[in-house]
N, C-alpha and C. Protein backbone atom coordinates (compact mmCIF):
# COMPACT_ATOMS: atom_id res chain seq x y z
N MET A 1 2.74 1.81 8.93
CA MET A 1 1.33 1.59 8.98
C MET A 1 0.88 1.12 10.34
N GLY A 2 1.73 0.61 11.13
CA GLY A 2 1.35 0.17 12.46
C GLY A 2 1.01 -1.31 12.48
N GLU A 3 0.98 -1.85 13.64
CA GLU A 3 0.68 -3.26 13.81
C GLU A 3 -0.76 -3.43 14.26
N TYR A 4 -1.35 -4.52 13.84
CA TYR A 4 -2.68 -4.87 14.28
C TYR A 4 -2.55 -5.88 15.41
N THR A 5 -3.38 -5.76 16.40
CA THR A 5 -3.33 -6.70 17.50
C THR A 5 -4.69 -7.35 17.67
N LYS A 6 -4.69 -8.64 17.94
CA LYS A 6 -5.93 -9.37 18.15
C LYS A 6 -6.31 -9.25 19.62
N THR A 7 -7.56 -8.92 19.86
CA THR A 7 -8.04 -8.83 21.24
C THR A 7 -9.28 -9.68 21.39
N GLU A 8 -9.54 -10.11 22.59
CA GLU A 8 -10.74 -10.90 22.85
C GLU A 8 -11.58 -10.16 23.86
N SER A 9 -12.86 -10.00 23.55
CA SER A 9 -13.76 -9.34 24.46
C SER A 9 -14.15 -10.31 25.56
N ILE A 10 -13.81 -9.96 26.80
CA ILE A 10 -14.14 -10.81 27.94
C ILE A 10 -15.66 -10.76 28.14
N GLY A 11 -16.25 -11.90 28.35
CA GLY A 11 -17.69 -11.95 28.59
C GLY A 11 -18.48 -12.17 27.31
N LYS A 12 -18.08 -11.57 26.23
CA LYS A 12 -18.80 -11.74 24.97
C LYS A 12 -18.24 -12.93 24.19
N GLY A 13 -16.97 -13.26 24.42
CA GLY A 13 -16.37 -14.38 23.74
C GLY A 13 -16.11 -14.15 22.27
N SER A 14 -16.10 -12.91 21.84
CA SER A 14 -15.85 -12.64 20.41
C SER A 14 -14.48 -12.04 20.22
N LEU A 15 -13.95 -12.21 19.03
CA LEU A 15 -12.64 -11.66 18.71
C LEU A 15 -12.82 -10.38 17.89
N SER A 16 -11.92 -9.45 18.07
CA SER A 16 -11.92 -8.23 17.27
C SER A 16 -10.49 -7.83 17.00
N TRP A 17 -10.30 -6.95 16.06
CA TRP A 17 -8.96 -6.48 15.71
C TRP A 17 -8.88 -5.00 16.01
N ASN A 18 -7.90 -4.63 16.80
CA ASN A 18 -7.69 -3.22 17.13
C ASN A 18 -6.50 -2.69 16.36
N ARG A 19 -6.63 -1.50 15.84
CA ARG A 19 -5.56 -0.84 15.10
C ARG A 19 -5.12 0.36 15.93
N PRO A 20 -3.80 0.58 16.06
CA PRO A 20 -3.33 1.75 16.79
C PRO A 20 -3.92 3.03 16.21
N LYS A 21 -4.23 4.00 17.05
CA LYS A 21 -4.86 5.24 16.60
C LYS A 21 -4.03 5.99 15.58
N GLU A 22 -2.70 5.93 15.65
CA GLU A 22 -1.86 6.66 14.70
C GLU A 22 -1.87 6.01 13.32
N SER A 23 -2.41 4.82 13.23
CA SER A 23 -2.44 4.10 11.96
C SER A 23 -3.77 4.34 11.27
N ARG A 24 -3.76 5.13 10.25
CA ARG A 24 -4.95 5.40 9.46
C ARG A 24 -4.66 5.08 8.01
N LEU A 25 -5.51 4.28 7.40
CA LEU A 25 -5.31 3.93 6.00
C LEU A 25 -5.71 5.11 5.13
N ASN A 26 -4.84 5.47 4.23
CA ASN A 26 -5.10 6.56 3.31
C ASN A 26 -5.37 5.94 1.94
N TRP A 27 -6.63 5.64 1.68
CA TRP A 27 -6.99 4.96 0.43
C TRP A 27 -6.66 5.81 -0.78
N ASN A 28 -6.73 7.12 -0.66
CA ASN A 28 -6.36 8.00 -1.76
C ASN A 28 -4.90 7.80 -2.14
N LEU A 29 -4.03 7.65 -1.15
CA LEU A 29 -2.61 7.41 -1.40
C LEU A 29 -2.43 6.07 -2.12
N PHE A 30 -3.16 5.04 -1.70
CA PHE A 30 -3.09 3.74 -2.36
C PHE A 30 -3.41 3.91 -3.84
N ASP A 31 -4.52 4.60 -4.12
CA ASP A 31 -4.94 4.81 -5.51
C ASP A 31 -3.89 5.60 -6.30
N GLN A 32 -3.36 6.66 -5.70
CA GLN A 32 -2.37 7.49 -6.39
C GLN A 32 -1.15 6.67 -6.80
N VAL A 33 -0.66 5.86 -5.90
CA VAL A 33 0.54 5.07 -6.19
C VAL A 33 0.27 4.07 -7.30
N LEU A 34 -0.85 3.33 -7.21
CA LEU A 34 -1.14 2.34 -8.25
C LEU A 34 -1.42 3.00 -9.60
N GLU A 35 -2.10 4.14 -9.59
CA GLU A 35 -2.38 4.85 -10.85
C GLU A 35 -1.07 5.29 -11.50
N LEU A 36 -0.12 5.73 -10.70
CA LEU A 36 1.17 6.15 -11.23
C LEU A 36 1.92 4.97 -11.85
N LEU A 37 1.76 3.80 -11.27
CA LEU A 37 2.48 2.61 -11.74
C LEU A 37 1.75 1.85 -12.84
N LYS A 38 0.53 2.24 -13.17
CA LYS A 38 -0.29 1.43 -14.08
C LYS A 38 0.28 1.26 -15.49
N ASP A 39 1.28 2.05 -15.86
CA ASP A 39 1.88 1.91 -17.19
C ASP A 39 2.83 0.72 -17.29
N SER A 40 3.00 -0.01 -16.19
CA SER A 40 3.84 -1.22 -16.12
C SER A 40 5.32 -0.96 -16.35
N GLN A 41 5.76 0.28 -16.25
CA GLN A 41 7.17 0.64 -16.38
C GLN A 41 7.79 0.71 -14.98
N TRP A 42 9.13 0.65 -14.91
CA TRP A 42 9.82 0.83 -13.64
C TRP A 42 9.81 2.31 -13.27
N HIS A 43 9.51 2.60 -12.01
CA HIS A 43 9.48 3.97 -11.51
C HIS A 43 10.37 4.06 -10.27
N SER A 44 11.18 5.10 -10.21
CA SER A 44 12.04 5.29 -9.04
C SER A 44 11.22 5.87 -7.88
N LEU A 45 11.69 5.63 -6.68
CA LEU A 45 11.02 6.18 -5.50
C LEU A 45 11.05 7.71 -5.54
N ASN A 46 12.13 8.27 -6.08
CA ASN A 46 12.21 9.74 -6.20
C ASN A 46 11.11 10.27 -7.12
N GLU A 47 10.86 9.57 -8.22
CA GLU A 47 9.81 9.98 -9.15
C GLU A 47 8.44 9.91 -8.47
N ILE A 48 8.19 8.84 -7.74
CA ILE A 48 6.92 8.70 -7.04
C ILE A 48 6.76 9.82 -6.02
N GLU A 49 7.83 10.07 -5.28
CA GLU A 49 7.82 11.13 -4.27
C GLU A 49 7.44 12.47 -4.91
N GLU A 50 8.02 12.75 -6.05
CA GLU A 50 7.76 14.02 -6.74
C GLU A 50 6.33 14.09 -7.26
N LYS A 51 5.86 13.01 -7.87
CA LYS A 51 4.53 13.03 -8.49
C LYS A 51 3.38 13.04 -7.49
N ILE A 52 3.55 12.40 -6.36
CA ILE A 52 2.46 12.38 -5.39
C ILE A 52 2.66 13.40 -4.27
N SER A 53 3.75 14.13 -4.33
CA SER A 53 4.03 15.21 -3.37
C SER A 53 4.03 14.76 -1.92
N LEU A 54 4.63 13.62 -1.68
CA LEU A 54 4.79 13.11 -0.31
C LEU A 54 6.20 12.57 -0.16
N PRO A 55 6.79 12.71 1.03
CA PRO A 55 8.12 12.12 1.25
C PRO A 55 8.05 10.59 1.24
N LYS A 56 9.17 9.98 0.87
CA LYS A 56 9.25 8.51 0.79
C LYS A 56 8.79 7.84 2.08
N GLU A 57 9.10 8.46 3.20
CA GLU A 57 8.76 7.85 4.49
C GLU A 57 7.25 7.66 4.63
N GLU A 58 6.46 8.50 3.96
CA GLU A 58 5.00 8.39 4.09
C GLU A 58 4.39 7.37 3.15
N PHE A 59 4.99 7.17 1.96
CA PHE A 59 4.40 6.18 1.05
C PHE A 59 5.14 4.84 1.08
N ALA A 60 6.27 4.77 1.75
CA ALA A 60 7.02 3.51 1.83
C ALA A 60 6.19 2.37 2.44
N PRO A 61 5.39 2.60 3.49
CA PRO A 61 4.57 1.51 4.01
C PRO A 61 3.55 1.00 2.99
N VAL A 62 3.05 1.89 2.14
CA VAL A 62 2.11 1.48 1.10
C VAL A 62 2.81 0.57 0.10
N LEU A 63 4.03 0.94 -0.30
CA LEU A 63 4.79 0.10 -1.22
C LEU A 63 5.07 -1.26 -0.60
N LYS A 64 5.42 -1.27 0.66
CA LYS A 64 5.70 -2.54 1.35
C LYS A 64 4.46 -3.43 1.34
N LEU A 65 3.31 -2.85 1.60
CA LEU A 65 2.06 -3.61 1.58
C LEU A 65 1.79 -4.14 0.18
N PHE A 66 1.99 -3.31 -0.85
CA PHE A 66 1.75 -3.74 -2.22
C PHE A 66 2.68 -4.89 -2.62
N VAL A 67 3.92 -4.85 -2.15
CA VAL A 67 4.85 -5.96 -2.42
C VAL A 67 4.33 -7.23 -1.75
N GLU A 68 3.92 -7.12 -0.49
CA GLU A 68 3.42 -8.27 0.25
C GLU A 68 2.17 -8.86 -0.38
N LEU A 69 1.31 -8.00 -0.96
CA LEU A 69 0.08 -8.46 -1.61
C LEU A 69 0.32 -9.00 -3.02
N GLY A 70 1.53 -8.77 -3.55
CA GLY A 70 1.84 -9.22 -4.90
C GLY A 70 1.39 -8.24 -5.97
N PHE A 71 1.12 -6.97 -5.59
CA PHE A 71 0.68 -5.96 -6.54
C PHE A 71 1.83 -5.31 -7.29
N ILE A 72 3.01 -5.22 -6.66
CA ILE A 72 4.16 -4.59 -7.30
C ILE A 72 5.41 -5.41 -7.08
N SER A 73 6.42 -5.13 -7.91
CA SER A 73 7.76 -5.73 -7.78
C SER A 73 8.74 -4.63 -7.44
N ARG A 74 9.82 -4.99 -6.75
CA ARG A 74 10.90 -4.06 -6.44
C ARG A 74 12.16 -4.47 -7.18
N MET A 75 12.97 -3.47 -7.57
CA MET A 75 14.22 -3.72 -8.26
C MET A 75 15.30 -2.84 -7.62
N ASP A 76 16.55 -3.21 -7.80
CA ASP A 76 17.67 -2.42 -7.29
C ASP A 76 17.54 -2.11 -5.81
N GLU A 77 17.41 -3.17 -5.02
CA GLU A 77 17.28 -3.03 -3.57
C GLU A 77 16.11 -2.13 -3.18
N GLY A 78 15.06 -2.14 -3.98
CA GLY A 78 13.86 -1.39 -3.64
C GLY A 78 13.82 0.03 -4.15
N SER A 79 14.83 0.46 -4.91
CA SER A 79 14.85 1.86 -5.36
C SER A 79 13.92 2.10 -6.55
N LYS A 80 13.46 1.01 -7.20
CA LYS A 80 12.51 1.13 -8.30
C LYS A 80 11.40 0.11 -8.10
N VAL A 81 10.20 0.48 -8.52
CA VAL A 81 9.05 -0.41 -8.40
C VAL A 81 8.27 -0.43 -9.71
N ARG A 82 7.54 -1.53 -9.91
CA ARG A 82 6.72 -1.69 -11.10
C ARG A 82 5.48 -2.51 -10.72
N ILE A 83 4.37 -2.16 -11.32
CA ILE A 83 3.14 -2.89 -11.05
C ILE A 83 3.20 -4.28 -11.68
N LYS A 84 2.57 -5.25 -11.02
CA LYS A 84 2.48 -6.62 -11.52
C LYS A 84 1.05 -6.84 -12.05
N PRO A 85 0.83 -7.91 -12.78
CA PRO A 85 -0.52 -8.16 -13.32
C PRO A 85 -1.62 -8.13 -12.26
N LEU A 86 -1.36 -8.65 -11.06
CA LEU A 86 -2.37 -8.63 -10.00
C LEU A 86 -2.73 -7.19 -9.62
N GLY A 87 -1.74 -6.30 -9.59
CA GLY A 87 -2.00 -4.89 -9.29
C GLY A 87 -2.84 -4.23 -10.36
N VAL A 88 -2.58 -4.59 -11.63
CA VAL A 88 -3.38 -4.05 -12.74
C VAL A 88 -4.82 -4.54 -12.61
N GLU A 89 -5.00 -5.82 -12.29
CA GLU A 89 -6.35 -6.35 -12.10
C GLU A 89 -7.07 -5.62 -10.98
N PHE A 90 -6.36 -5.33 -9.89
CA PHE A 90 -6.96 -4.61 -8.77
C PHE A 90 -7.41 -3.22 -9.23
N LEU A 91 -6.60 -2.55 -10.02
CA LEU A 91 -6.95 -1.22 -10.53
C LEU A 91 -8.20 -1.27 -11.39
N GLU A 92 -8.41 -2.35 -12.11
CA GLU A 92 -9.53 -2.46 -13.03
C GLU A 92 -10.83 -2.88 -12.37
N LEU A 93 -10.80 -3.17 -11.06
CA LEU A 93 -12.03 -3.54 -10.36
C LEU A 93 -13.00 -2.36 -10.42
N PRO A 94 -14.29 -2.64 -10.57
CA PRO A 94 -15.27 -1.54 -10.63
C PRO A 94 -15.35 -0.80 -9.31
N HIS A 95 -15.53 0.51 -9.41
CA HIS A 95 -15.67 1.36 -8.22
C HIS A 95 -17.16 1.57 -7.96
N GLU A 96 -17.53 1.54 -6.72
CA GLU A 96 -18.94 1.78 -6.38
C GLU A 96 -19.13 3.19 -5.91
């Protein structure tokens, strides 16, 4: 996903966050992964790869972020994942 760097605008005195150009958030991918996991069962990375039609390397950063946010759990050295209650709550938030 790339690293975020804090920058300060000289003269304006304000802070901003710059994201590397190669780092683009794919919100559709976030939704696809959580929707797949919403049954609260353990899912293998191979199953996720097959169902969302993307290689593991492309959705692995999303899984890492979800683990860090407390949305999912990992099992067997990360080869299986399952949604946590916080992830289910996030899925149930109203869409605008």
